[in-house]
């Protein structure tokens, strides 16, 4: 039986080298027929169409063009899209599932490092470590530790998690060993389901009002854009901390700037909208800004490079059959690869992605 053919589509050849290590590429070439080590950055040229028409498995990454009906017509043999990154929104149209193409994502490999990063900042925010560091930097030799508030710590602190997404659930799991009072706002869950995750289900408004630390983990949908606006931020208690490792478009940054500039609340931002914020404009302060740091953690990178997300041990092929992970009844695989089912048309479904 002929081996399945594999092609790559992403931003650049350099990115391919970062996502797939040399040993994994060698194993892939031993397992399947790699049509080219050069990635496709577009799907319309004659050269790209000549690759697509022979492709059984397409390994994609950041910057992959949209795989829509026209691309699928040009790739009649395509059976699997293995995305070596997180979300496939913007890369894969619903038509792919309708055509029977399997789609996998490496979101689970990214989710763990993001959850670790979030937990670290929740713990530091509970100790008000950033405010203390800023005071020390300003006062230096004149710093008076007695000026620090005495009522800091994480015991009994109320933490609000917005969105029981993949990352949101991992954060909830990591919070379990600590004595936090955890609130959860996620519209598709019941109170019982939230309790199983170690949280109390509340409305978004109640979460913003009660939480000393708020961590955002919702996806960008029509109904979630700007979901954290002026009213939600104004509801946060004085001295509270807002953490966003999800998407910048979920937050009204003008409102956030006003709240943080006043010093009433603090913010920890992995993402902004636009990204980066315009040069010369008023900064969002006080803020810890570390652009996409949790997504750049070495453990997620190693998980991608060792082939668990797109190589022969993941979603690649062997002797004409999938050599990766079995699809389970919930559309989820094991380890670092997730087999995706067609996206639901229900607006609440995507909160779980």
C-alpha atoms as a PDB file:
ATOM      1  CA  UNK A   1       0.000   0.000   0.000  1.00  0.00           C
ATOM      2  CA  UNK A   2       1.303   3.427  -0.925  1.00  0.00           C
ATOM      3  CA  UNK A   3       2.210   5.687   1.995  1.00  0.00           C
ATOM      4  CA  UNK A   4       0.061   8.729   2.527  1.00  0.00           C
ATOM      5  CA  UNK A   5       1.398  12.032   1.261  1.00  0.00           C
ATOM      6  CA  UNK A   6       2.117  14.991   3.545  1.00  0.00           C
ATOM      7  CA  UNK A   7       2.430  18.709   2.838  1.00  0.00           C
ATOM      8  CA  UNK A   8       2.863  21.764   5.072  1.00  0.00           C
ATOM      9  CA  UNK A   9       1.008  25.093   5.138  1.00  0.00           C
ATOM     10  CA  UNK A  10       2.015  27.917   7.470  1.00  0.00           C
ATOM     11  CA  UNK A  11       3.741  31.274   7.686  1.00  0.00           C
ATOM     12  CA  UNK A  12       7.273  30.274   6.653  1.00  0.00           C
ATOM     13  CA  UNK A  13       9.853  27.522   6.303  1.00  0.00           C
ATOM     14  CA  UNK A  14      11.505  28.933   9.423  1.00  0.00           C
ATOM     15  CA  UNK A  15       8.343  28.318  11.421  1.00  0.00           C
ATOM     16  CA  UNK A  16       8.211  24.746  10.124  1.00  0.00           C
ATOM     17  CA  UNK A  17      11.707  24.192  11.521  1.00  0.00           C
ATOM     18  CA  UNK A  18      10.574  25.515  14.889  1.00  0.00           C
ATOM     19  CA  UNK A  19       7.478  23.316  15.002  1.00  0.00           C
ATOM     20  CA  UNK A  20       8.963  20.064  13.708  1.00  0.00           C
ATOM     21  CA  UNK A  21      12.433  19.017  14.826  1.00  0.00           C
ATOM     22  CA  UNK A  22      14.880  17.269  12.519  1.00  0.00           C
ATOM     23  CA  UNK A  23      14.380  13.836  14.173  1.00  0.00           C
ATOM     24  CA  UNK A  24      10.604  14.141  13.837  1.00  0.00           C
ATOM     25  CA  UNK A  25      10.903  15.228  10.216  1.00  0.00           C
ATOM     26  CA  UNK A  26      13.102  12.198   9.543  1.00  0.00           C
ATOM     27  CA  UNK A  27      10.554   9.930  11.209  1.00  0.00           C
ATOM     28  CA  UNK A  28       7.788  11.566   9.226  1.00  0.00           C
ATOM     29  CA  UNK A  29       9.654  10.972   5.975  1.00  0.00           C
ATOM     30  CA  UNK A  30      10.150   7.351   6.977  1.00  0.00           C
ATOM     31  CA  UNK A  31       6.439   7.036   7.654  1.00  0.00           C
ATOM     32  CA  UNK A  32       4.873   8.996   4.805  1.00  0.00           C
ATOM     33  CA  UNK A  33       5.806  10.678   1.534  1.00  0.00           C
ATOM     34  CA  UNK A  34       6.662  14.302   2.285  1.00  0.00           C
ATOM     35  CA  UNK A  35       5.848  16.160  -0.924  1.00  0.00           C
ATOM     36  CA  UNK A  36       8.048  19.140  -0.085  1.00  0.00           C
ATOM     37  CA  UNK A  37       9.955  20.543   2.872  1.00  0.00           C
ATOM     38  CA  UNK A  38       8.901  23.994   1.732  1.00  0.00           C
ATOM     39  CA  UNK A  39       5.632  25.238   3.195  1.00  0.00           C
ATOM     40  CA  UNK A  40       2.631  26.504   1.296  1.00  0.00           C
ATOM     41  CA  UNK A  41       1.945  30.131   2.195  1.00  0.00           C
ATOM     42  CA  UNK A  42      -0.948  30.405  -0.286  1.00  0.00           C
ATOM     43  CA  UNK A  43      -3.230  27.968  -2.074  1.00  0.00           C
ATOM     44  CA  UNK A  44      -3.919  29.717  -5.396  1.00  0.00           C
ATOM     45  CA  UNK A  45      -0.739  29.493  -7.473  1.00  0.00           C
ATOM     46  CA  UNK A  46      -0.192  26.638  -9.940  1.00  0.00           C
ATOM     47  CA  UNK A  47       2.692  25.436  -7.781  1.00  0.00           C
ATOM     48  CA  UNK A  48       0.507  25.285  -4.679  1.00  0.00           C
ATOM     49  CA  UNK A  49      -2.320  23.561  -6.581  1.00  0.00           C
ATOM     50  CA  UNK A  50       0.091  20.912  -7.880  1.00  0.00           C
ATOM     51  CA  UNK A  51       0.969  20.069  -4.251  1.00  0.00           C
ATOM     52  CA  UNK A  52      -2.608  20.207  -2.978  1.00  0.00           C
ATOM     53  CA  UNK A  53      -3.932  17.785  -5.572  1.00  0.00           C
ATOM     54  CA  UNK A  54      -1.528  15.115  -4.275  1.00  0.00           C
ATOM     55  CA  UNK A  55      -1.917  15.809  -0.532  1.00  0.00           C
ATOM     56  CA  UNK A  56      -3.512  13.331   1.887  1.00  0.00           C
ATOM     57  CA  UNK A  57      -2.357  15.020   5.110  1.00  0.00           C
ATOM     58  CA  UNK A  58      -1.840  18.759   5.518  1.00  0.00           C
ATOM     59  CA  UNK A  59       0.187  19.852   8.553  1.00  0.00           C
ATOM     60  CA  UNK A  60      -0.575  23.477   9.307  1.00  0.00           C
ATOM     61  CA  UNK A  61       0.680  26.182  11.639  1.00  0.00           C
ATOM     62  CA  UNK A  62       0.382  29.893  12.349  1.00  0.00           C
ATOM     63  CA  UNK A  63      -0.278  31.875   9.185  1.00  0.00           C
ATOM     64  CA  UNK A  64      -1.938  29.029   7.305  1.00  0.00           C
ATOM     65  CA  UNK A  65      -4.340  30.360   4.646  1.00  0.00           C
ATOM     66  CA  UNK A  66      -8.028  29.533   5.013  1.00  0.00           C
ATOM     67  CA  UNK A  67      -8.899  25.983   3.978  1.00  0.00           C
ATOM     68  CA  UNK A  68     -12.280  26.622   2.346  1.00  0.00           C
ATOM     69  CA  UNK A  69     -14.423  24.902  -0.278  1.00  0.00           C
ATOM     70  CA  UNK A  70     -12.199  26.065  -3.151  1.00  0.00           C
ATOM     71  CA  UNK A  71      -9.079  24.677  -1.470  1.00  0.00           C
ATOM     72  CA  UNK A  72     -10.835  21.389  -0.741  1.00  0.00           C
ATOM     73  CA  UNK A  73     -11.838  21.132  -4.403  1.00  0.00           C
ATOM     74  CA  UNK A  74      -8.152  21.492  -5.268  1.00  0.00           C
ATOM     75  CA  UNK A  75      -7.235  18.823  -2.682  1.00  0.00           C
ATOM     76  CA  UNK A  76      -9.564  15.897  -3.427  1.00  0.00           C
ATOM     77  CA  UNK A  77      -7.347  13.426  -1.554  1.00  0.00           C
ATOM     78  CA  UNK A  78      -7.154  15.440   1.663  1.00  0.00           C
ATOM     79  CA  UNK A  79      -8.101  13.313   4.684  1.00  0.00           C
ATOM     80  CA  UNK A  80      -6.502  15.060   7.637  1.00  0.00           C
ATOM     81  CA  UNK A  81      -5.566  18.602   8.656  1.00  0.00           C
ATOM     82  CA  UNK A  82      -3.133  18.455  11.612  1.00  0.00           C
ATOM     83  CA  UNK A  83      -2.798  21.951  13.067  1.00  0.00           C
ATOM     84  CA  UNK A  84       0.465  22.317  15.017  1.00  0.00           C
ATOM     85  CA  UNK A  85      -0.882  25.253  17.012  1.00  0.00           C
ATOM     86  CA  UNK A  86      -4.018  26.216  18.922  1.00  0.00           C
ATOM     87  CA  UNK A  87      -7.294  27.392  17.455  1.00  0.00           C
ATOM     88  CA  UNK A  88      -8.226  26.464  13.898  1.00  0.00           C
ATOM     89  CA  UNK A  89     -10.693  29.339  13.625  1.00  0.00           C
ATOM     90  CA  UNK A  90      -9.532  31.395  10.666  1.00  0.00           C
ATOM     91  CA  UNK A  91      -7.732  28.401   9.151  1.00  0.00           C
ATOM     92  CA  UNK A  92     -10.384  25.720   8.602  1.00  0.00           C
ATOM     93  CA  UNK A  93     -13.902  26.321   7.311  1.00  0.00           C
ATOM     94  CA  UNK A  94     -16.900  24.233   8.296  1.00  0.00           C
ATOM     95  CA  UNK A  95     -16.792  22.705   4.806  1.00  0.00           C
ATOM     96  CA  UNK A  96     -13.826  20.570   5.847  1.00  0.00           C
ATOM     97  CA  UNK A  97     -15.932  18.614   8.345  1.00  0.00           C
ATOM     98  CA  UNK A  98     -18.790  18.394   5.867  1.00  0.00           C
ATOM     99  CA  UNK A  99     -16.356  16.767   3.423  1.00  0.00           C
ATOM    100  CA  UNK A 100     -15.287  14.227   6.054  1.00  0.00           C
ATOM    101  CA  UNK A 101     -11.814  15.691   6.611  1.00  0.00           C
ATOM    102  CA  UNK A 102     -10.485  15.040  10.113  1.00  0.00           C
ATOM    103  CA  UNK A 103      -9.039  18.048  11.924  1.00  0.00           C
ATOM    104  CA  UNK A 104      -6.663  17.986  14.887  1.00  0.00           C
ATOM    105  CA  UNK A 105      -5.212  20.786  16.970  1.00  0.00           C
ATOM    106  CA  UNK A 106      -2.255  21.153  19.322  1.00  0.00           C
ATOM    107  CA  UNK A 107      -4.230  23.455  21.601  1.00  0.00           C
ATOM    108  CA  UNK A 108      -3.705  21.102  24.533  1.00  0.00           C
ATOM    109  CA  UNK A 109       0.069  21.485  24.198  1.00  0.00           C
ATOM    110  CA  UNK A 110      -0.347  25.262  24.436  1.00  0.00           C
ATOM    111  CA  UNK A 111      -3.003  25.208  27.141  1.00  0.00           C
ATOM    112  CA  UNK A 112      -0.831  23.767  29.914  1.00  0.00           C
ATOM    113  CA  UNK A 113       1.841  26.479  29.790  1.00  0.00           C
ATOM    114  CA  UNK A 114      -0.824  29.195  29.643  1.00  0.00           C
ATOM    115  CA  UNK A 115      -2.537  27.725  32.705  1.00  0.00           C
ATOM    116  CA  UNK A 116       0.800  27.547  34.560  1.00  0.00           C
ATOM    117  CA  UNK A 117       1.511  31.191  33.714  1.00  0.00           C
ATOM    118  CA  UNK A 118      -1.955  32.207  34.870  1.00  0.00           C
ATOM    119  CA  UNK A 119      -1.628  30.373  38.178  1.00  0.00           C
ATOM    120  CA  UNK A 120       1.727  32.028  38.842  1.00  0.00           C
ATOM    121  CA  UNK A 121       0.265  35.492  38.327  1.00  0.00           C
ATOM    122  CA  UNK A 122      -2.822  34.702  40.405  1.00  0.00           C
ATOM    123  CA  UNK A 123      -0.584  33.717  43.323  1.00  0.00           C
ATOM    124  CA  UNK A 124       1.619  36.796  42.921  1.00  0.00           C
ATOM    125  CA  UNK A 125      -1.404  39.068  42.561  1.00  0.00           C
ATOM    126  CA  UNK A 126      -2.842  37.670  45.783  1.00  0.00           C
ATOM    127  CA  UNK A 127       0.363  38.699  47.536  1.00  0.00           C
ATOM    128  CA  UNK A 128       0.266  42.100  45.783  1.00  0.00           C
ATOM    129  CA  UNK A 129       3.814  41.415  44.699  1.00  0.00           C
ATOM    130  CA  UNK A 130       3.726  43.787  41.711  1.00  0.00           C
ATOM    131  CA  UNK A 131       2.537  46.787  43.719  1.00  0.00           C
ATOM    132  CA  UNK A 132       5.271  46.138  46.276  1.00  0.00           C
ATOM    133  CA  UNK A 133       7.896  45.854  43.537  1.00  0.00           C
ATOM    134  CA  UNK A 134       6.782  49.170  42.018  1.00  0.00           C
ATOM    135  CA  UNK A 135       6.932  50.877  45.406  1.00  0.00           C
ATOM    136  CA  UNK A 136      10.424  49.536  45.990  1.00  0.00           C
ATOM    137  CA  UNK A 137      11.594  50.650  42.542  1.00  0.00           C
ATOM    138  CA  UNK A 138      10.358  54.183  43.198  1.00  0.00           C
ATOM    139  CA  UNK A 139      11.463  54.554  46.824  1.00  0.00           C
ATOM    140  CA  UNK A 140      14.652  52.448  46.592  1.00  0.00           C
ATOM    141  CA  UNK A 141      16.696  53.232  49.721  1.00  0.00           C
ATOM    142  CA  UNK A 142      13.793  55.108  51.274  1.00  0.00           C
ATOM    143  CA  UNK A 143      11.454  52.151  50.976  1.00  0.00           C
ATOM    144  CA  UNK A 144       9.438  51.569  54.134  1.00  0.00           C
ATOM    145  CA  UNK A 145       8.055  48.069  54.356  1.00  0.00           C
ATOM    146  CA  UNK A 146       5.535  49.190  56.936  1.00  0.00           C
ATOM    147  CA  UNK A 147       3.756  50.997  54.098  1.00  0.00           C
ATOM    148  CA  UNK A 148       2.766  47.654  52.600  1.00  0.00           C
ATOM    149  CA  UNK A 149      -0.766  46.468  53.400  1.00  0.00           C
ATOM    150  CA  UNK A 150      -0.969  43.780  56.062  1.00  0.00           C
ATOM    151  CA  UNK A 151      -4.056  42.055  54.669  1.00  0.00           C
ATOM    152  CA  UNK A 152      -2.374  40.360  51.717  1.00  0.00           C
ATOM    153  CA  UNK A 153      -2.287  36.661  50.915  1.00  0.00           C
ATOM    154  CA  UNK A 154      -4.125  33.966  49.071  1.00  0.00           C
ATOM    155  CA  UNK A 155      -5.956  32.228  51.901  1.00  0.00           C
ATOM    156  CA  UNK A 156      -9.660  32.757  51.308  1.00  0.00           C
ATOM    157  CA  UNK A 157      -9.091  35.174  48.427  1.00  0.00           C
ATOM    158  CA  UNK A 158     -11.891  35.218  45.869  1.00  0.00           C
ATOM    159  CA  UNK A 159     -10.707  34.362  42.356  1.00  0.00           C
ATOM    160  CA  UNK A 160     -13.047  34.688  39.390  1.00  0.00           C
ATOM    161  CA  UNK A 161     -12.536  32.589  36.254  1.00  0.00           C
ATOM    162  CA  UNK A 162     -14.386  33.731  33.135  1.00  0.00           C
ATOM    163  CA  UNK A 163     -14.908  30.831  30.723  1.00  0.00           C
ATOM    164  CA  UNK A 164     -14.624  27.068  31.294  1.00  0.00           C
ATOM    165  CA  UNK A 165     -12.535  26.759  28.158  1.00  0.00           C
ATOM    166  CA  UNK A 166      -9.638  24.353  27.776  1.00  0.00           C
ATOM    167  CA  UNK A 167      -7.293  26.790  29.514  1.00  0.00           C
ATOM    168  CA  UNK A 168      -9.963  27.873  31.978  1.00  0.00           C
ATOM    169  CA  UNK A 169     -10.506  24.289  33.119  1.00  0.00           C
ATOM    170  CA  UNK A 170      -6.772  23.725  33.544  1.00  0.00           C
ATOM    171  CA  UNK A 171      -6.521  26.880  35.648  1.00  0.00           C
ATOM    172  CA  UNK A 172      -9.408  25.648  37.808  1.00  0.00           C
ATOM    173  CA  UNK A 173      -7.584  22.345  38.248  1.00  0.00           C
ATOM    174  CA  UNK A 174      -4.381  24.124  39.286  1.00  0.00           C
ATOM    175  CA  UNK A 175      -6.254  26.258  41.821  1.00  0.00           C
ATOM    176  CA  UNK A 176      -7.572  23.235  43.736  1.00  0.00           C
ATOM    177  CA  UNK A 177      -4.614  22.804  46.168  1.00  0.00           C
ATOM    178  CA  UNK A 178      -5.017  26.399  47.382  1.00  0.00           C
ATOM    179  CA  UNK A 179      -7.621  27.813  49.758  1.00  0.00           C
ATOM    180  CA  UNK A 180      -9.226  30.155  47.248  1.00  0.00           C
ATOM    181  CA  UNK A 181     -12.913  30.925  46.983  1.00  0.00           C
ATOM    182  CA  UNK A 182     -13.317  30.254  43.243  1.00  0.00           C
ATOM    183  CA  UNK A 183     -16.144  31.729  41.176  1.00  0.00           C
ATOM    184  CA  UNK A 184     -16.873  30.726  37.590  1.00  0.00           C
ATOM    185  CA  UNK A 185     -18.850  32.505  34.873  1.00  0.00           C
ATOM    186  CA  UNK A 186     -19.468  30.192  31.933  1.00  0.00           C
ATOM    187  CA  UNK A 187     -22.937  30.193  30.333  1.00  0.00           C
ATOM    188  CA  UNK A 188     -23.030  26.575  29.148  1.00  0.00           C
ATOM    189  CA  UNK A 189     -22.415  25.005  32.566  1.00  0.00           C
ATOM    190  CA  UNK A 190     -24.831  24.030  35.301  1.00  0.00           C
ATOM    191  CA  UNK A 191     -24.140  24.724  38.961  1.00  0.00           C
ATOM    192  CA  UNK A 192     -23.390  21.031  39.448  1.00  0.00           C
ATOM    193  CA  UNK A 193     -20.861  21.012  36.599  1.00  0.00           C
ATOM    194  CA  UNK A 194     -19.168  24.117  37.991  1.00  0.00           C
ATOM    195  CA  UNK A 195     -18.991  22.492  41.430  1.00  0.00           C
ATOM    196  CA  UNK A 196     -17.292  19.462  39.896  1.00  0.00           C
ATOM    197  CA  UNK A 197     -14.651  21.865  38.585  1.00  0.00           C
ATOM    198  CA  UNK A 198     -14.181  23.247  42.097  1.00  0.00           C
ATOM    199  CA  UNK A 199     -16.024  26.520  41.536  1.00  0.00           C
ATOM    200  CA  UNK A 200     -19.288  28.287  42.286  1.00  0.00           C
ATOM    201  CA  UNK A 201     -21.249  29.251  39.180  1.00  0.00           C
ATOM    202  CA  UNK A 202     -22.231  32.934  39.122  1.00  0.00           C
ATOM    203  CA  UNK A 203     -23.143  35.580  36.573  1.00  0.00           C
ATOM    204  CA  UNK A 204     -20.410  37.665  34.999  1.00  0.00           C
ATOM    205  CA  UNK A 205     -21.607  40.756  36.849  1.00  0.00           C
ATOM    206  CA  UNK A 206     -21.499  38.989  40.218  1.00  0.00           C
ATOM    207  CA  UNK A 207     -18.046  37.587  39.462  1.00  0.00           C
ATOM    208  CA  UNK A 208     -16.649  41.030  38.661  1.00  0.00           C
ATOM    209  CA  UNK A 209     -18.149  42.505  41.825  1.00  0.00           C
ATOM    210  CA  UNK A 210     -16.911  39.820  44.226  1.00  0.00           C
ATOM    211  CA  UNK A 211     -13.490  38.809  42.854  1.00  0.00           C
ATOM    212  CA  UNK A 212     -10.180  40.182  44.090  1.00  0.00           C
ATOM    213  CA  UNK A 213      -8.526  38.538  41.078  1.00  0.00           C
ATOM    214  CA  UNK A 214     -10.259  38.001  37.721  1.00  0.00           C
ATOM    215  CA  UNK A 215      -8.780  35.772  35.011  1.00  0.00           C
ATOM    216  CA  UNK A 216     -10.273  35.828  31.506  1.00  0.00           C
ATOM    217  CA  UNK A 217     -10.407  32.618  29.425  1.00  0.00           C
ATOM    218  CA  UNK A 218     -13.231  33.144  26.922  1.00  0.00           C
ATOM    219  CA  UNK A 219     -12.909  32.872  23.116  1.00  0.00           C
ATOM    220  CA  UNK A 220     -13.576  35.690  20.660  1.00  0.00           C
ATOM    221  CA  UNK A 221     -17.132  35.390  19.361  1.00  0.00           C
ATOM    222  CA  UNK A 222     -19.617  37.986  18.193  1.00  0.00           C
ATOM    223  CA  UNK A 223     -21.276  37.901  21.599  1.00  0.00           C
ATOM    224  CA  UNK A 224     -18.003  38.019  23.586  1.00  0.00           C
ATOM    225  CA  UNK A 225     -16.220  40.915  21.847  1.00  0.00           C
ATOM    226  CA  UNK A 226     -15.862  43.721  24.355  1.00  0.00           C
ATOM    227  CA  UNK A 227     -17.507  41.594  27.053  1.00  0.00           C
ATOM    228  CA  UNK A 228     -15.238  43.203  29.654  1.00  0.00           C
ATOM    229  CA  UNK A 229     -16.234  46.820  29.308  1.00  0.00           C
ATOM    230  CA  UNK A 230     -16.397  49.928  31.423  1.00  0.00           C
ATOM    231  CA  UNK A 231     -19.263  48.673  33.603  1.00  0.00           C
ATOM    232  CA  UNK A 232     -17.594  45.323  34.329  1.00  0.00           C
ATOM    233  CA  UNK A 233     -14.232  46.908  35.195  1.00  0.00           C
ATOM    234  CA  UNK A 234     -15.866  49.581  37.348  1.00  0.00           C
ATOM    235  CA  UNK A 235     -17.560  46.809  39.327  1.00  0.00           C
ATOM    236  CA  UNK A 236     -14.229  45.322  40.408  1.00  0.00           C
ATOM    237  CA  UNK A 237     -13.227  45.974  44.034  1.00  0.00           C
ATOM    238  CA  UNK A 238     -10.522  48.527  44.789  1.00  0.00           C
ATOM    239  CA  UNK A 239      -7.101  46.873  44.633  1.00  0.00           C
ATOM    240  CA  UNK A 240      -8.332  44.019  42.425  1.00  0.00           C
ATOM    241  CA  UNK A 241      -6.252  42.507  39.620  1.00  0.00           C
ATOM    242  CA  UNK A 242      -7.462  41.712  36.099  1.00  0.00           C
ATOM    243  CA  UNK A 243      -5.601  39.020  34.106  1.00  0.00           C
ATOM    244  CA  UNK A 244      -6.087  38.429  30.372  1.00  0.00           C
ATOM    245  CA  UNK A 245      -4.326  35.520  28.655  1.00  0.00           C
ATOM    246  CA  UNK A 246      -7.213  34.951  26.212  1.00  0.00           C
ATOM    247  CA  UNK A 247      -7.779  37.567  23.493  1.00  0.00           C
ATOM    248  CA  UNK A 248      -7.424  41.332  23.514  1.00  0.00           C
ATOM    249  CA  UNK A 249     -10.684  41.862  21.601  1.00  0.00           C
ATOM    250  CA  UNK A 250     -12.629  40.702  24.658  1.00  0.00           C
ATOM    251  CA  UNK A 251     -11.672  43.851  26.589  1.00  0.00           C
ATOM    252  CA  UNK A 252     -12.392  47.566  26.216  1.00  0.00           C
ATOM    253  CA  UNK A 253      -8.828  48.820  26.569  1.00  0.00           C
ATOM    254  CA  UNK A 254      -9.849  52.473  26.879  1.00  0.00           C
ATOM    255  CA  UNK A 255     -11.912  51.554  29.925  1.00  0.00           C
ATOM    256  CA  UNK A 256      -9.096  49.373  31.268  1.00  0.00           C
ATOM    257  CA  UNK A 257      -6.631  52.227  30.799  1.00  0.00           C
ATOM    258  CA  UNK A 258      -8.845  54.574  32.787  1.00  0.00           C
ATOM    259  CA  UNK A 259      -9.230  52.109  35.658  1.00  0.00           C
ATOM    260  CA  UNK A 260      -5.550  51.175  35.864  1.00  0.00           C
ATOM    261  CA  UNK A 261      -4.198  54.704  35.374  1.00  0.00           C
ATOM    262  CA  UNK A 262      -6.191  55.811  38.398  1.00  0.00           C
ATOM    263  CA  UNK A 263      -4.432  53.081  40.381  1.00  0.00           C
ATOM    264  CA  UNK A 264      -7.744  51.622  41.496  1.00  0.00           C
ATOM    265  CA  UNK A 265      -7.057  48.207  39.922  1.00  0.00           C
ATOM    266  CA  UNK A 266      -4.083  46.463  38.314  1.00  0.00           C
ATOM    267  CA  UNK A 267      -3.863  44.424  35.125  1.00  0.00           C
ATOM    268  CA  UNK A 268      -1.708  41.596  33.799  1.00  0.00           C
ATOM    269  CA  UNK A 269      -1.974  41.421  30.016  1.00  0.00           C
ATOM    270  CA  UNK A 270      -0.661  38.719  27.721  1.00  0.00           C
ATOM    271  CA  UNK A 271      -2.754  40.103  24.847  1.00  0.00           C
ATOM    272  CA  UNK A 272      -4.173  43.472  23.771  1.00  0.00           C
ATOM    273  CA  UNK A 273      -6.302  44.851  20.950  1.00  0.00           C
ATOM    274  CA  UNK A 274      -4.731  46.192  18.848  1.00  0.00           C
ATOM    275  CA  UNK A 275      -1.537  44.271  19.406  1.00  0.00           C
ATOM    276  CA  UNK A 276       0.722  45.928  20.270  1.00  0.00           C
ATOM    277  CA  UNK A 277      -1.046  49.002  21.595  1.00  0.00           C
ATOM    278  CA  UNK A 278      -0.211  52.135  19.553  1.00  0.00           C
ATOM    279  CA  UNK A 279       3.148  53.762  20.246  1.00  0.00           C
ATOM    280  CA  UNK A 280       2.831  57.131  21.906  1.00  0.00           C
ATOM    281  CA  UNK A 281      -0.656  56.534  23.208  1.00  0.00           C
ATOM    282  CA  UNK A 282      -1.473  56.467  26.893  1.00  0.00           C
ATOM    283  CA  UNK A 283      -0.263  53.264  28.502  1.00  0.00           C
ATOM    284  CA  UNK A 284      -2.403  50.818  30.408  1.00  0.00           C
ATOM    285  CA  UNK A 285      -0.915  51.269  33.886  1.00  0.00           C
ATOM    286  CA  UNK A 286      -0.191  49.801  36.372  1.00  0.00           C
ATOM    287  CA  UNK A 287       0.202  46.686  34.287  1.00  0.00           C
ATOM    288  CA  UNK A 288       2.486  43.729  33.863  1.00  0.00           C
ATOM    289  CA  UNK A 289       2.733  43.326  30.071  1.00  0.00           C
ATOM    290  CA  UNK A 290       4.371  40.178  28.703  1.00  0.00           C
ATOM    291  CA  UNK A 291       3.148  39.676  25.125  1.00  0.00           C
ATOM    292  CA  UNK A 292       2.300  36.034  24.432  1.00  0.00           C
ATOM    293  CA  UNK A 293       4.734  34.849  27.108  1.00  0.00           C
ATOM    294  CA  UNK A 294       2.621  31.878  28.220  1.00  0.00           C
ATOM    295  CA  UNK A 295       2.311  30.704  24.621  1.00  0.00           C
ATOM    296  CA  UNK A 296       6.094  30.841  24.212  1.00  0.00           C
ATOM    297  CA  UNK A 297       6.876  28.514  27.094  1.00  0.00           C
ATOM    298  CA  UNK A 298       9.490  25.896  26.258  1.00  0.00           C
ATOM    299  CA  UNK A 299       7.349  22.954  27.412  1.00  0.00           C
ATOM    300  CA  UNK A 300       4.676  23.711  24.850  1.00  0.00           C
ATOM    301  CA  UNK A 301       7.368  24.173  22.219  1.00  0.00           C
ATOM    302  CA  UNK A 302       8.964  20.841  23.117  1.00  0.00           C
ATOM    303  CA  UNK A 303       5.594  19.101  22.962  1.00  0.00           C
ATOM    304  CA  UNK A 304       5.168  20.399  19.430  1.00  0.00           C
ATOM    305  CA  UNK A 305       8.716  19.629  18.332  1.00  0.00           C
ATOM    306  CA  UNK A 306       8.826  16.083  19.681  1.00  0.00           C
ATOM    307  CA  UNK A 307       6.073  15.069  17.286  1.00  0.00           C
ATOM    308  CA  UNK A 308       3.263  14.559  19.787  1.00  0.00           C
ATOM    309  CA  UNK A 309       1.132  17.125  17.982  1.00  0.00           C
ATOM    310  CA  UNK A 310       1.802  16.542  14.306  1.00  0.00           C
ATOM    311  CA  UNK A 311       4.414  13.832  13.799  1.00  0.00           C
ATOM    312  CA  UNK A 312       4.042  10.052  13.448  1.00  0.00           C
ATOM    313  CA  UNK A 313       3.332   9.673  17.172  1.00  0.00           C
ATOM    314  CA  UNK A 314       0.616  12.284  16.878  1.00  0.00           C
ATOM    315  CA  UNK A 315      -1.616  12.825  13.889  1.00  0.00           C
ATOM    316  CA  UNK A 316       0.593  11.696  11.008  1.00  0.00           C
ATOM    317  CA  UNK A 317       0.148   8.465   9.091  1.00  0.00           C
ATOM    318  CA  UNK A 318       1.592   4.997   8.856  1.00  0.00           C
ATOM    319  CA  UNK A 319       0.955   2.443   6.122  1.00  0.00           C
ATOM    320  CA  UNK A 320      -2.152   4.176   4.878  1.00  0.00           C
ATOM    321  CA  UNK A 321      -3.936   4.475   8.229  1.00  0.00           C
ATOM    322  CA  UNK A 322      -3.915   6.997  11.060  1.00  0.00           C
ATOM    323  CA  UNK A 323      -0.992   6.243  13.335  1.00  0.00           C
ATOM    324  CA  UNK A 324      -2.047   8.797  15.882  1.00  0.00           C
ATOM    325  CA  UNK A 325      -4.847   9.006  18.369  1.00  0.00           C
ATOM    326  CA  UNK A 326      -8.292   7.399  18.297  1.00  0.00           C
ATOM    327  CA  UNK A 327     -11.260   9.714  18.192  1.00  0.00           C
ATOM    328  CA  UNK A 328     -13.373   9.395  21.295  1.00  0.00           C
ATOM    329  CA  UNK A 329     -17.076  10.034  21.698  1.00  0.00           C
ATOM    330  CA  UNK A 330     -16.491  13.638  22.748  1.00  0.00           C
ATOM    331  CA  UNK A 331     -14.256  14.540  19.818  1.00  0.00           C
ATOM    332  CA  UNK A 332     -11.172  14.577  22.015  1.00  0.00           C
ATOM    333  CA  UNK A 333      -7.975  12.628  21.660  1.00  0.00           C
ATOM    334  CA  UNK A 334      -5.346  11.875  24.273  1.00  0.00           C
ATOM    335  CA  UNK A 335      -2.035  13.481  25.105  1.00  0.00           C
ATOM    336  CA  UNK A 336      -1.320  16.680  23.175  1.00  0.00           C
ATOM    337  CA  UNK A 337      -3.551  16.148  20.126  1.00  0.00           C
ATOM    338  CA  UNK A 338      -7.248  16.928  20.056  1.00  0.00           C
ATOM    339  CA  UNK A 339      -9.511  15.626  17.297  1.00  0.00           C
ATOM    340  CA  UNK A 340     -12.065  18.335  16.605  1.00  0.00           C
ATOM    341  CA  UNK A 341     -15.688  17.833  15.673  1.00  0.00           C
ATOM    342  CA  UNK A 342     -17.519  20.371  13.536  1.00  0.00           C
ATOM    343  CA  UNK A 343     -18.107  23.622  15.426  1.00  0.00           C
ATOM    344  CA  UNK A 344     -21.575  23.962  16.892  1.00  0.00           C
ATOM    345  CA  UNK A 345     -23.819  26.767  15.771  1.00  0.00           C
ATOM    346  CA  UNK A 346     -24.772  27.316  19.413  1.00  0.00           C
ATOM    347  CA  UNK A 347     -23.081  30.489  20.701  1.00  0.00           C
ATOM    348  CA  UNK A 348     -22.370  28.894  24.080  1.00  0.00           C
ATOM    349  CA  UNK A 349     -20.601  25.856  22.617  1.00  0.00           C
ATOM    350  CA  UNK A 350     -17.509  27.833  21.685  1.00  0.00           C
ATOM    351  CA  UNK A 351     -16.962  28.869  25.305  1.00  0.00           C
ATOM    352  CA  UNK A 352     -15.734  25.293  25.774  1.00  0.00           C
ATOM    353  CA  UNK A 353     -13.053  25.505  23.053  1.00  0.00           C
END
